[in-house]
């Protein structure tokens, strides 16, 4: 069957459209209305169901603040209301500004802020915090969290941490128990902290049973 000129033109147009969709930059954004705050670091494309959903309203996104420790600026945000202040340290990656543009994160943050004051931290080298040339030590992570607490005038607080953030919270509690009211941990590890050291901070009646392995 001979290939006609219209058929060749249609095939060429289809290939060009597919090529454009494949080579489109990952950082392209879609602005749906003036009320939508988007970022060049958040990819939003049609037909991709695995992309994070972007919220339509950003009026309640908190301001970004910084605390300095040994010349490194640590970014954080504070929001919510309540008598209890929770200092939340995230896992491996975070961004205290862009996370509010993801519907699931924003819903969680608003729910927490409806009951407590929350401080979310970007660890050094991550998100909006200063970059470093070497991998931070656990002691530096702990000192960064204390710097944020000092900047906010907190003598003590509830520490919440996920994964690596949980390890930082545990280390801070073991080294500075007077600064920690409670621990909220999800998938936390205990690097460099022995069970015997932690056991000293467990009160009678607590449902925590620390046993050496």
N, C-alpha and C. Protein backbone atom coordinates (compact mmCIF):
# COMPACT_ATOMS: atom_id res chain seq x y z
N UNK A 1 0.85 -1.20 0.00
CA UNK A 1 0.00 0.00 0.00
C UNK A 1 0.88 1.24 0.00
N UNK A 2 0.73 2.14 -0.96
CA UNK A 2 1.59 3.32 -1.03
C UNK A 2 1.29 4.30 0.10
N UNK A 3 2.30 4.99 0.58
CA UNK A 3 2.15 5.98 1.64
C UNK A 3 1.92 7.34 1.02
N UNK A 4 0.81 7.95 1.31
CA UNK A 4 0.47 9.24 0.71
C UNK A 4 1.11 10.38 1.49
N UNK A 5 1.13 11.57 0.92
CA UNK A 5 1.72 12.74 1.57
C UNK A 5 1.01 13.10 2.86
N UNK A 6 -0.34 13.09 2.90
CA UNK A 6 -1.01 13.39 4.19
C UNK A 6 -0.66 12.41 5.28
N UNK A 7 -0.48 11.12 4.90
CA UNK A 7 -0.13 10.12 5.91
C UNK A 7 1.25 10.39 6.48
N UNK A 8 2.22 10.72 5.62
CA UNK A 8 3.57 11.05 6.07
C UNK A 8 3.55 12.26 6.98
N UNK A 9 2.74 13.27 6.63
CA UNK A 9 2.66 14.48 7.45
C UNK A 9 2.08 14.16 8.83
N UNK A 10 1.05 13.31 8.87
CA UNK A 10 0.44 12.95 10.14
C UNK A 10 1.40 12.18 11.02
N UNK A 11 2.15 11.21 10.42
CA UNK A 11 3.12 10.44 11.19
C UNK A 11 4.23 11.34 11.73
N UNK A 12 4.70 12.27 10.90
CA UNK A 12 5.76 13.19 11.32
C UNK A 12 5.29 14.05 12.49
N UNK A 13 4.06 14.56 12.43
CA UNK A 13 3.53 15.39 13.51
C UNK A 13 3.41 14.61 14.80
N UNK A 14 2.97 13.34 14.69
CA UNK A 14 2.83 12.50 15.88
C UNK A 14 4.18 12.26 16.54
N UNK A 15 5.20 11.94 15.73
CA UNK A 15 6.55 11.70 16.26
C UNK A 15 7.10 12.94 16.93
N UNK A 16 6.87 14.12 16.32
CA UNK A 16 7.38 15.36 16.90
C UNK A 16 6.72 15.65 18.24
N UNK A 17 5.40 15.37 18.32
CA UNK A 17 4.71 15.61 19.59
C UNK A 17 5.24 14.67 20.67
N UNK A 18 5.45 13.40 20.34
CA UNK A 18 5.98 12.45 21.30
C UNK A 18 7.38 12.83 21.73
N UNK A 19 8.19 13.25 20.77
CA UNK A 19 9.57 13.65 21.10
C UNK A 19 9.58 14.85 22.02
N UNK A 20 8.66 15.82 21.78
CA UNK A 20 8.61 17.00 22.63
C UNK A 20 8.21 16.66 24.05
N UNK A 21 7.27 15.69 24.19
CA UNK A 21 6.84 15.32 25.53
C UNK A 21 7.93 14.58 26.28
N UNK A 22 8.80 13.84 25.55
CA UNK A 22 9.87 13.11 26.21
C UNK A 22 11.00 14.03 26.62
N UNK A 23 11.32 15.00 25.76
CA UNK A 23 12.46 15.87 26.01
C UNK A 23 12.08 17.13 26.78
N UNK A 24 10.81 17.29 27.15
CA UNK A 24 10.41 18.48 27.90
C UNK A 24 11.16 18.52 29.22
N UNK A 25 11.63 19.71 29.64
CA UNK A 25 12.38 19.80 30.91
C UNK A 25 11.53 19.40 32.09
N UNK A 26 12.15 18.69 33.04
CA UNK A 26 11.43 18.20 34.21
C UNK A 26 10.99 19.33 35.11
N UNK A 27 11.61 20.51 35.00
CA UNK A 27 11.29 21.60 35.90
C UNK A 27 10.21 22.53 35.34
N UNK A 28 9.59 22.16 34.21
CA UNK A 28 8.57 23.04 33.68
C UNK A 28 7.38 23.05 34.62
N UNK A 29 6.70 24.18 34.70
CA UNK A 29 5.57 24.32 35.62
C UNK A 29 4.35 24.78 34.87
N UNK A 30 3.19 24.55 35.45
CA UNK A 30 1.93 24.98 34.87
C UNK A 30 1.27 25.95 35.82
N UNK A 31 0.96 27.15 35.35
CA UNK A 31 0.31 28.15 36.18
C UNK A 31 -1.17 28.18 35.79
N UNK A 32 -2.03 27.72 36.67
CA UNK A 32 -3.43 27.62 36.35
C UNK A 32 -4.19 28.92 36.65
N UNK A 33 -3.72 29.66 37.66
CA UNK A 33 -4.39 30.91 38.02
C UNK A 33 -3.42 31.74 38.83
N UNK A 34 -3.67 33.06 38.96
CA UNK A 34 -2.77 33.90 39.76
C UNK A 34 -2.68 33.50 41.22
N UNK A 35 -3.66 32.73 41.73
CA UNK A 35 -3.64 32.35 43.14
C UNK A 35 -2.77 31.14 43.40
N UNK A 36 -2.29 30.47 42.36
CA UNK A 36 -1.47 29.28 42.53
C UNK A 36 -0.01 29.69 42.61
N UNK A 37 0.66 29.32 43.69
CA UNK A 37 2.08 29.61 43.85
C UNK A 37 2.85 28.36 43.47
N UNK A 38 3.54 28.42 42.35
CA UNK A 38 4.32 27.28 41.91
C UNK A 38 5.79 27.59 42.02
N UNK A 39 6.59 26.59 41.85
CA UNK A 39 8.04 26.75 41.96
C UNK A 39 8.71 26.05 40.79
N UNK A 40 9.83 26.57 40.28
CA UNK A 40 10.54 25.89 39.19
C UNK A 40 11.08 24.53 39.60
N UNK A 41 11.08 24.23 40.91
CA UNK A 41 11.60 22.94 41.36
C UNK A 41 10.50 21.90 41.52
N UNK A 42 9.25 22.27 41.21
CA UNK A 42 8.15 21.33 41.32
C UNK A 42 7.62 21.05 39.92
N UNK A 43 7.74 19.81 39.48
CA UNK A 43 7.30 19.45 38.14
C UNK A 43 5.81 19.17 38.14
N UNK A 44 5.08 19.82 37.22
CA UNK A 44 3.65 19.60 37.08
C UNK A 44 3.36 19.41 35.60
N UNK A 45 2.96 18.21 35.21
CA UNK A 45 2.69 17.94 33.80
C UNK A 45 1.42 17.14 33.67
N UNK A 46 0.72 17.34 32.58
CA UNK A 46 -0.51 16.62 32.32
C UNK A 46 -0.21 15.15 32.06
N UNK A 47 -1.14 14.32 32.51
CA UNK A 47 -1.05 12.91 32.18
C UNK A 47 -0.06 12.12 33.02
N UNK A 48 0.53 12.73 34.03
CA UNK A 48 1.49 12.02 34.87
C UNK A 48 0.87 11.87 36.26
N UNK A 49 0.36 10.70 36.56
CA UNK A 49 -0.39 10.50 37.79
C UNK A 49 0.50 10.30 39.00
N UNK A 50 1.82 10.14 38.79
CA UNK A 50 2.72 9.92 39.91
C UNK A 50 3.27 11.22 40.48
N UNK A 51 2.95 12.34 39.84
CA UNK A 51 3.45 13.62 40.35
C UNK A 51 2.66 14.05 41.58
N UNK A 52 3.28 14.76 42.53
CA UNK A 52 2.54 15.24 43.70
C UNK A 52 1.49 16.26 43.31
N UNK A 53 0.33 16.20 43.97
CA UNK A 53 -0.72 17.18 43.70
C UNK A 53 -0.36 18.50 44.36
N UNK A 54 -0.65 19.58 43.66
CA UNK A 54 -0.29 20.92 44.13
C UNK A 54 -1.53 21.59 44.70
N UNK A 55 -1.41 22.17 45.86
CA UNK A 55 -2.56 22.80 46.50
C UNK A 55 -2.89 24.11 45.81
N UNK A 56 -4.16 24.51 45.90
CA UNK A 56 -4.64 25.71 45.23
C UNK A 56 -4.47 26.96 46.08
N UNK A 57 -4.43 26.81 47.40
CA UNK A 57 -4.32 27.97 48.29
C UNK A 57 -3.08 27.85 49.14
N UNK A 58 -2.34 28.93 49.21
CA UNK A 58 -1.10 28.94 49.96
C UNK A 58 -1.07 30.07 50.98
N UNK A 59 -2.23 30.60 51.35
CA UNK A 59 -2.26 31.75 52.24
C UNK A 59 -1.75 31.42 53.63
N UNK A 60 -1.83 30.14 54.03
CA UNK A 60 -1.44 29.77 55.38
C UNK A 60 -0.02 29.24 55.44
N UNK A 61 0.73 29.32 54.36
CA UNK A 61 2.10 28.83 54.42
C UNK A 61 2.94 29.74 55.31
N UNK A 62 3.68 29.19 56.27
CA UNK A 62 4.41 30.04 57.22
C UNK A 62 5.64 30.67 56.58
N UNK A 63 6.11 31.72 57.22
CA UNK A 63 7.34 32.37 56.77
C UNK A 63 8.55 31.49 57.08
N UNK A 64 9.58 31.65 56.27
CA UNK A 64 10.83 30.90 56.47
C UNK A 64 11.74 31.70 57.38
N UNK A 65 12.29 31.03 58.38
CA UNK A 65 13.20 31.66 59.32
C UNK A 65 14.54 30.92 59.27
N UNK A 66 15.57 31.54 59.85
CA UNK A 66 16.90 30.93 59.85
C UNK A 66 17.54 31.07 61.23
N UNK A 67 18.23 30.03 61.61
CA UNK A 67 19.06 30.04 62.82
C UNK A 67 20.47 29.68 62.40
N UNK A 68 21.44 30.30 63.03
CA UNK A 68 22.84 30.10 62.65
C UNK A 68 23.56 29.24 63.69
N UNK A 69 24.34 28.29 63.18
CA UNK A 69 25.18 27.46 64.04
C UNK A 69 26.53 27.25 63.37
N UNK A 70 27.57 27.76 63.98
CA UNK A 70 28.93 27.63 63.44
C UNK A 70 29.02 28.11 62.00
N UNK A 71 28.35 29.21 61.71
CA UNK A 71 28.42 29.80 60.38
C UNK A 71 27.49 29.18 59.36
N UNK A 72 26.70 28.19 59.74
CA UNK A 72 25.75 27.54 58.83
C UNK A 72 24.34 28.00 59.18
N UNK A 73 23.62 28.48 58.17
CA UNK A 73 22.25 28.93 58.37
C UNK A 73 21.29 27.76 58.16
N UNK A 74 20.50 27.48 59.20
CA UNK A 74 19.55 26.37 59.18
C UNK A 74 18.14 26.94 59.00
N UNK A 75 17.47 26.52 57.93
CA UNK A 75 16.13 27.03 57.63
C UNK A 75 15.08 26.27 58.42
N UNK A 76 14.04 26.99 58.83
CA UNK A 76 12.93 26.35 59.53
C UNK A 76 11.69 27.22 59.40
N UNK A 77 10.56 26.66 59.77
CA UNK A 77 9.29 27.40 59.76
C UNK A 77 8.53 27.05 61.03
N UNK A 78 7.72 28.00 61.49
CA UNK A 78 6.92 27.78 62.71
C UNK A 78 5.47 28.13 62.42
N UNK A 79 4.56 27.24 62.80
CA UNK A 79 3.15 27.48 62.54
C UNK A 79 2.31 26.78 63.62
N UNK A 80 1.00 27.05 63.58
CA UNK A 80 0.08 26.38 64.48
C UNK A 80 -0.18 27.15 65.76
N UNK A 81 -0.98 26.54 66.63
CA UNK A 81 -1.32 27.15 67.91
C UNK A 81 -1.56 26.05 68.93
N UNK A 82 -1.22 26.34 70.16
CA UNK A 82 -1.39 25.37 71.23
C UNK A 82 -0.34 25.56 72.30
N UNK A 83 -0.51 24.89 73.42
CA UNK A 83 0.43 25.01 74.52
C UNK A 83 1.71 24.23 74.27
N UNK A 84 1.64 23.16 73.49
CA UNK A 84 2.80 22.31 73.24
C UNK A 84 3.49 22.74 71.95
N UNK A 85 4.81 22.78 71.99
CA UNK A 85 5.60 23.07 70.79
C UNK A 85 6.33 21.79 70.39
N UNK A 86 6.11 21.38 69.14
CA UNK A 86 6.77 20.19 68.59
C UNK A 86 7.84 20.63 67.60
N UNK A 87 9.08 20.23 67.85
CA UNK A 87 10.17 20.49 66.91
C UNK A 87 10.32 19.25 66.04
N UNK A 88 9.97 19.39 64.77
CA UNK A 88 9.93 18.25 63.85
C UNK A 88 11.17 18.25 62.96
N UNK A 89 11.90 17.13 63.01
CA UNK A 89 13.06 16.94 62.13
C UNK A 89 12.71 15.87 61.10
N UNK A 90 12.78 16.18 59.82
CA UNK A 90 12.33 15.27 58.77
C UNK A 90 13.36 14.18 58.47
N UNK A 91 13.02 13.25 57.59
CA UNK A 91 13.98 12.22 57.18
C UNK A 91 15.05 12.78 56.26
N UNK A 92 15.49 11.99 55.32
CA UNK A 92 16.66 12.31 54.49
C UNK A 92 16.52 13.65 53.78
N UNK A 93 15.41 13.90 53.10
CA UNK A 93 15.25 15.12 52.33
C UNK A 93 14.03 15.89 52.81
N UNK A 94 14.04 17.20 52.56
CA UNK A 94 12.90 18.04 52.93
C UNK A 94 13.08 19.41 52.28
N UNK A 95 12.03 20.20 52.33
CA UNK A 95 12.08 21.60 51.93
C UNK A 95 10.92 22.29 52.63
N UNK A 96 11.21 23.10 53.63
CA UNK A 96 10.17 23.67 54.48
C UNK A 96 9.25 24.63 53.73
N UNK A 97 9.62 25.01 52.52
CA UNK A 97 8.76 25.87 51.72
C UNK A 97 7.95 25.05 50.72
N UNK A 98 8.62 24.22 49.93
CA UNK A 98 7.93 23.48 48.87
C UNK A 98 7.01 22.39 49.40
N UNK A 99 7.29 21.87 50.59
CA UNK A 99 6.42 20.82 51.13
C UNK A 99 4.98 21.30 51.30
N UNK A 100 4.80 22.60 51.51
CA UNK A 100 3.45 23.15 51.67
C UNK A 100 2.69 23.16 50.34
N UNK A 101 3.37 22.93 49.24
CA UNK A 101 2.72 22.90 47.94
C UNK A 101 2.25 21.50 47.57
N UNK A 102 2.58 20.52 48.40
CA UNK A 102 2.13 19.15 48.17
C UNK A 102 0.94 18.89 49.08
N UNK A 103 -0.17 18.50 48.49
CA UNK A 103 -1.44 18.41 49.22
C UNK A 103 -1.35 17.53 50.46
N UNK A 104 -0.72 16.35 50.32
CA UNK A 104 -0.67 15.43 51.45
C UNK A 104 0.14 16.01 52.61
N UNK A 105 1.26 16.63 52.29
CA UNK A 105 2.08 17.25 53.33
C UNK A 105 1.34 18.42 53.99
N UNK A 106 0.77 19.29 53.15
CA UNK A 106 0.10 20.47 53.69
C UNK A 106 -1.05 20.08 54.60
N UNK A 107 -1.80 19.03 54.23
CA UNK A 107 -2.90 18.58 55.07
C UNK A 107 -2.39 18.09 56.42
N UNK A 108 -1.29 17.35 56.41
CA UNK A 108 -0.71 16.86 57.66
C UNK A 108 -0.22 18.02 58.52
N UNK A 109 0.45 19.00 57.91
CA UNK A 109 0.97 20.13 58.66
C UNK A 109 -0.17 20.95 59.28
N UNK A 110 -1.24 21.17 58.50
CA UNK A 110 -2.36 21.94 59.03
C UNK A 110 -3.03 21.21 60.18
N UNK A 111 -3.16 19.90 60.06
CA UNK A 111 -3.78 19.13 61.13
C UNK A 111 -2.96 19.22 62.41
N UNK A 112 -1.63 19.09 62.28
CA UNK A 112 -0.78 19.22 63.45
C UNK A 112 -0.85 20.62 64.05
N UNK A 113 -0.87 21.63 63.18
CA UNK A 113 -0.92 23.00 63.65
C UNK A 113 -2.24 23.39 64.28
N UNK A 114 -3.28 22.61 64.03
CA UNK A 114 -4.57 22.89 64.66
C UNK A 114 -4.58 22.52 66.13
N UNK A 115 -3.62 21.71 66.55
CA UNK A 115 -3.58 21.24 67.94
C UNK A 115 -2.32 21.69 68.68
N UNK A 116 -1.24 21.95 67.96
CA UNK A 116 0.03 22.29 68.59
C UNK A 116 0.75 23.34 67.74
N UNK A 117 1.73 23.97 68.36
CA UNK A 117 2.69 24.75 67.58
C UNK A 117 3.74 23.79 67.04
N UNK A 118 4.12 23.97 65.79
CA UNK A 118 5.06 23.06 65.15
C UNK A 118 6.20 23.86 64.53
N UNK A 119 7.40 23.36 64.71
CA UNK A 119 8.58 23.93 64.05
C UNK A 119 9.17 22.85 63.17
N UNK A 120 9.18 23.09 61.87
CA UNK A 120 9.76 22.16 60.91
C UNK A 120 11.12 22.63 60.45
N UNK A 121 12.09 21.74 60.43
CA UNK A 121 13.48 22.10 60.17
C UNK A 121 13.96 21.49 58.85
N UNK A 122 14.74 22.24 58.10
CA UNK A 122 15.55 21.71 57.00
C UNK A 122 16.95 21.47 57.56
N UNK A 123 17.40 20.24 57.60
CA UNK A 123 18.75 19.98 58.12
C UNK A 123 19.80 20.66 57.24
N UNK A 124 20.95 20.93 57.81
CA UNK A 124 22.03 21.56 57.03
C UNK A 124 22.34 20.71 55.79
N UNK A 125 22.53 21.38 54.66
CA UNK A 125 22.78 20.68 53.41
C UNK A 125 21.53 20.24 52.67
N UNK A 126 20.35 20.50 53.26
CA UNK A 126 19.09 20.03 52.69
C UNK A 126 18.11 21.19 52.58
N UNK A 127 17.27 21.16 51.56
CA UNK A 127 16.22 22.17 51.42
C UNK A 127 16.76 23.57 51.30
N UNK A 128 16.28 24.46 52.15
CA UNK A 128 16.69 25.87 52.11
C UNK A 128 17.86 26.18 53.03
N UNK A 129 18.37 25.18 53.75
CA UNK A 129 19.53 25.41 54.62
C UNK A 129 20.81 25.47 53.80
N UNK A 130 21.85 26.04 54.41
CA UNK A 130 23.13 26.18 53.71
C UNK A 130 23.71 24.82 53.34
N UNK A 131 24.39 24.79 52.21
CA UNK A 131 25.09 23.58 51.76
C UNK A 131 26.43 23.46 52.49
N UNK A 132 26.91 22.23 52.59
CA UNK A 132 28.19 21.97 53.24
C UNK A 132 29.05 21.12 52.31
N UNK A 133 30.37 21.19 52.52
CA UNK A 133 31.30 20.44 51.67
C UNK A 133 31.52 19.01 52.15
N UNK A 134 31.18 18.75 53.41
CA UNK A 134 31.36 17.41 53.98
C UNK A 134 30.05 16.97 54.62
N UNK A 135 29.91 15.67 54.79
CA UNK A 135 28.70 15.14 55.41
C UNK A 135 28.64 15.58 56.87
N UNK A 136 27.53 16.13 57.31
CA UNK A 136 27.41 16.58 58.70
C UNK A 136 27.47 15.40 59.67
N UNK A 137 28.02 15.66 60.84
CA UNK A 137 28.05 14.63 61.88
C UNK A 137 26.76 14.68 62.68
N UNK A 138 26.51 13.64 63.45
CA UNK A 138 25.33 13.60 64.30
C UNK A 138 25.39 14.73 65.33
N UNK A 139 26.59 15.02 65.84
CA UNK A 139 26.73 16.11 66.82
C UNK A 139 26.36 17.45 66.19
N UNK A 140 26.74 17.66 64.93
CA UNK A 140 26.38 18.91 64.25
C UNK A 140 24.87 19.00 64.04
N UNK A 141 24.24 17.87 63.71
CA UNK A 141 22.79 17.86 63.54
C UNK A 141 22.09 18.24 64.86
N UNK A 142 22.58 17.66 65.95
CA UNK A 142 22.01 17.98 67.25
C UNK A 142 22.19 19.46 67.57
N UNK A 143 23.39 19.98 67.32
CA UNK A 143 23.66 21.40 67.60
C UNK A 143 22.79 22.31 66.74
N UNK A 144 22.50 21.90 65.50
CA UNK A 144 21.63 22.70 64.64
C UNK A 144 20.22 22.77 65.20
N UNK A 145 19.72 21.64 65.70
CA UNK A 145 18.38 21.63 66.29
C UNK A 145 18.33 22.52 67.53
N UNK A 146 19.36 22.45 68.35
CA UNK A 146 19.42 23.31 69.54
C UNK A 146 19.48 24.78 69.14
N UNK A 147 20.18 25.09 68.05
CA UNK A 147 20.26 26.48 67.59
C UNK A 147 18.88 27.00 67.19
N UNK A 148 18.08 26.15 66.55
CA UNK A 148 16.71 26.54 66.19
C UNK A 148 15.88 26.76 67.45
N UNK A 149 15.99 25.86 68.41
CA UNK A 149 15.25 26.02 69.66
C UNK A 149 15.66 27.29 70.38
N UNK A 150 16.96 27.58 70.40
CA UNK A 150 17.44 28.79 71.06
C UNK A 150 16.92 30.04 70.35
N UNK A 151 16.90 29.99 69.01
CA UNK A 151 16.42 31.14 68.24
C UNK A 151 14.95 31.41 68.52
N UNK A 152 14.19 30.38 68.84
CA UNK A 152 12.77 30.54 69.13
C UNK A 152 12.50 30.69 70.63
N UNK A 153 13.55 30.76 71.43
CA UNK A 153 13.38 30.96 72.86
C UNK A 153 12.79 29.77 73.59
N UNK A 154 13.08 28.56 73.12
CA UNK A 154 12.53 27.35 73.72
C UNK A 154 13.56 26.70 74.64
N UNK A 155 13.27 26.67 75.92
CA UNK A 155 14.16 25.97 76.84
C UNK A 155 14.00 24.47 76.70
N UNK A 156 12.79 24.02 76.31
CA UNK A 156 12.54 22.60 76.05
C UNK A 156 11.36 22.48 75.11
N UNK A 157 11.19 21.31 74.51
CA UNK A 157 10.10 21.10 73.56
C UNK A 157 9.91 19.60 73.36
N UNK A 158 8.81 19.25 72.72
CA UNK A 158 8.60 17.89 72.26
C UNK A 158 9.35 17.72 70.95
N UNK A 159 10.13 16.66 70.84
CA UNK A 159 10.89 16.42 69.61
C UNK A 159 10.21 15.33 68.80
N UNK A 160 9.95 15.65 67.53
CA UNK A 160 9.39 14.68 66.61
C UNK A 160 10.36 14.43 65.48
N UNK A 161 10.57 13.17 65.13
CA UNK A 161 11.53 12.86 64.08
C UNK A 161 11.15 11.61 63.31
N UNK A 162 11.44 11.63 62.01
CA UNK A 162 11.19 10.48 61.14
C UNK A 162 12.52 10.01 60.57
N UNK A 163 12.79 8.72 60.67
CA UNK A 163 14.00 8.11 60.11
C UNK A 163 15.24 8.82 60.67
N UNK A 164 16.05 9.45 59.81
CA UNK A 164 17.23 10.16 60.29
C UNK A 164 16.87 11.26 61.27
N UNK A 165 15.73 11.92 61.03
CA UNK A 165 15.28 12.94 61.97
C UNK A 165 14.99 12.37 63.34
N UNK A 166 14.51 11.12 63.39
CA UNK A 166 14.29 10.47 64.66
C UNK A 166 15.58 10.19 65.39
N UNK A 167 16.61 9.78 64.63
CA UNK A 167 17.92 9.54 65.23
C UNK A 167 18.49 10.81 65.84
N UNK A 168 18.29 11.93 65.18
CA UNK A 168 18.76 13.21 65.70
C UNK A 168 18.02 13.56 66.99
N UNK A 169 16.73 13.33 66.99
CA UNK A 169 15.93 13.62 68.18
C UNK A 169 16.36 12.75 69.36
N UNK A 170 16.61 11.46 69.09
CA UNK A 170 17.04 10.55 70.15
C UNK A 170 18.39 10.99 70.71
N UNK A 171 19.33 11.33 69.82
CA UNK A 171 20.66 11.75 70.27
C UNK A 171 20.57 13.03 71.09
N UNK A 172 19.70 13.95 70.68
CA UNK A 172 19.54 15.19 71.45
C UNK A 172 18.97 14.90 72.83
N UNK A 173 18.00 13.99 72.90
CA UNK A 173 17.40 13.65 74.18
C UNK A 173 18.41 12.98 75.11
N UNK A 174 19.30 12.14 74.56
CA UNK A 174 20.29 11.46 75.37
C UNK A 174 21.36 12.42 75.88
N UNK A 175 21.72 13.40 75.06
CA UNK A 175 22.79 14.32 75.43
C UNK A 175 22.28 15.52 76.22
N UNK A 176 21.04 15.93 75.96
CA UNK A 176 20.48 17.11 76.62
C UNK A 176 19.06 16.81 77.07
N UNK A 177 18.88 15.93 78.03
CA UNK A 177 17.52 15.54 78.46
C UNK A 177 16.71 16.69 79.00
N UNK A 178 17.37 17.72 79.51
CA UNK A 178 16.64 18.85 80.07
C UNK A 178 15.94 19.68 78.98
N UNK A 179 16.33 19.48 77.72
CA UNK A 179 15.74 20.24 76.61
C UNK A 179 14.57 19.50 75.96
N UNK A 180 14.30 18.28 76.41
CA UNK A 180 13.31 17.43 75.73
C UNK A 180 12.18 17.07 76.68
N UNK A 181 10.95 17.36 76.28
CA UNK A 181 9.78 16.99 77.08
C UNK A 181 9.30 15.58 76.74
N UNK A 182 9.19 15.28 75.45
CA UNK A 182 8.76 13.97 74.98
C UNK A 182 9.39 13.71 73.62
N UNK A 183 9.35 12.45 73.19
CA UNK A 183 9.82 12.07 71.87
C UNK A 183 8.68 11.46 71.07
N UNK A 184 8.55 11.90 69.84
CA UNK A 184 7.61 11.32 68.87
C UNK A 184 8.44 10.79 67.72
N UNK A 185 8.56 9.47 67.62
CA UNK A 185 9.49 8.87 66.67
C UNK A 185 8.77 7.97 65.68
N UNK A 186 9.20 8.04 64.42
CA UNK A 186 8.69 7.17 63.36
C UNK A 186 9.88 6.60 62.60
N UNK A 187 10.06 5.28 62.68
CA UNK A 187 11.15 4.64 61.95
C UNK A 187 12.52 5.16 62.34
N UNK A 188 12.70 5.48 63.63
CA UNK A 188 13.96 6.08 64.07
C UNK A 188 15.01 5.01 64.36
N UNK A 189 16.25 5.39 64.17
CA UNK A 189 17.38 4.54 64.54
C UNK A 189 18.10 5.18 65.72
N UNK A 190 19.06 4.43 66.31
CA UNK A 190 19.77 4.93 67.49
C UNK A 190 21.28 4.88 67.26
N UNK A 191 21.80 5.61 66.30
CA UNK A 191 23.24 5.54 66.05
C UNK A 191 24.05 6.23 67.15
N UNK A 192 25.01 5.51 67.68
CA UNK A 192 25.93 6.12 68.64
C UNK A 192 25.38 6.28 70.04
N UNK A 193 24.17 5.80 70.30
CA UNK A 193 23.58 5.93 71.62
C UNK A 193 23.28 4.54 72.16
N UNK A 194 23.87 4.18 73.29
CA UNK A 194 23.69 2.84 73.83
C UNK A 194 22.37 2.73 74.58
N UNK A 195 21.78 1.52 74.64
CA UNK A 195 20.55 1.34 75.43
C UNK A 195 20.73 1.71 76.89
N UNK A 196 21.93 1.46 77.44
CA UNK A 196 22.16 1.82 78.84
C UNK A 196 22.07 3.32 79.06
N UNK A 197 22.54 4.09 78.08
CA UNK A 197 22.46 5.54 78.19
C UNK A 197 21.01 6.00 78.09
N UNK A 198 20.25 5.41 77.19
CA UNK A 198 18.85 5.79 77.04
C UNK A 198 18.02 5.36 78.25
N UNK A 199 18.37 4.21 78.84
CA UNK A 199 17.59 3.68 79.94
C UNK A 199 17.57 4.63 81.14
N UNK A 200 18.61 5.44 81.26
CA UNK A 200 18.69 6.36 82.38
C UNK A 200 17.59 7.43 82.33
N UNK A 201 17.03 7.63 81.12
CA UNK A 201 16.04 8.69 80.95
C UNK A 201 14.62 8.16 80.91
N UNK A 202 14.45 6.87 81.12
CA UNK A 202 13.11 6.28 81.14
C UNK A 202 12.57 6.34 82.56
N UNK A 203 11.40 6.90 82.72
CA UNK A 203 10.80 7.04 84.05
C UNK A 203 10.00 5.79 84.40
N UNK A 204 9.81 5.59 85.69
CA UNK A 204 9.01 4.46 86.15
C UNK A 204 7.58 4.57 85.62
N UNK A 205 7.08 3.47 85.10
CA UNK A 205 5.72 3.47 84.57
C UNK A 205 5.64 3.74 83.09
N UNK A 206 6.74 4.18 82.47
CA UNK A 206 6.72 4.39 81.02
C UNK A 206 6.59 3.05 80.30
N UNK A 207 5.82 3.01 79.21
CA UNK A 207 5.63 1.74 78.48
C UNK A 207 6.80 1.43 77.56
N UNK A 208 7.98 1.88 77.92
CA UNK A 208 9.17 1.66 77.10
C UNK A 208 10.09 0.67 77.79
N UNK A 209 10.48 -0.36 77.09
CA UNK A 209 11.35 -1.37 77.65
C UNK A 209 12.61 -1.45 76.80
N UNK A 210 13.69 -0.88 77.30
CA UNK A 210 14.94 -0.86 76.56
C UNK A 210 15.82 -1.99 77.05
N UNK A 211 16.11 -2.88 76.17
CA UNK A 211 16.94 -4.02 76.53
C UNK A 211 18.17 -4.06 75.62
N UNK A 212 19.35 -4.24 76.18
CA UNK A 212 20.54 -4.34 75.33
C UNK A 212 20.48 -5.57 74.46
N UNK A 213 20.98 -5.45 73.26
CA UNK A 213 20.99 -6.59 72.33
C UNK A 213 22.28 -7.36 72.44
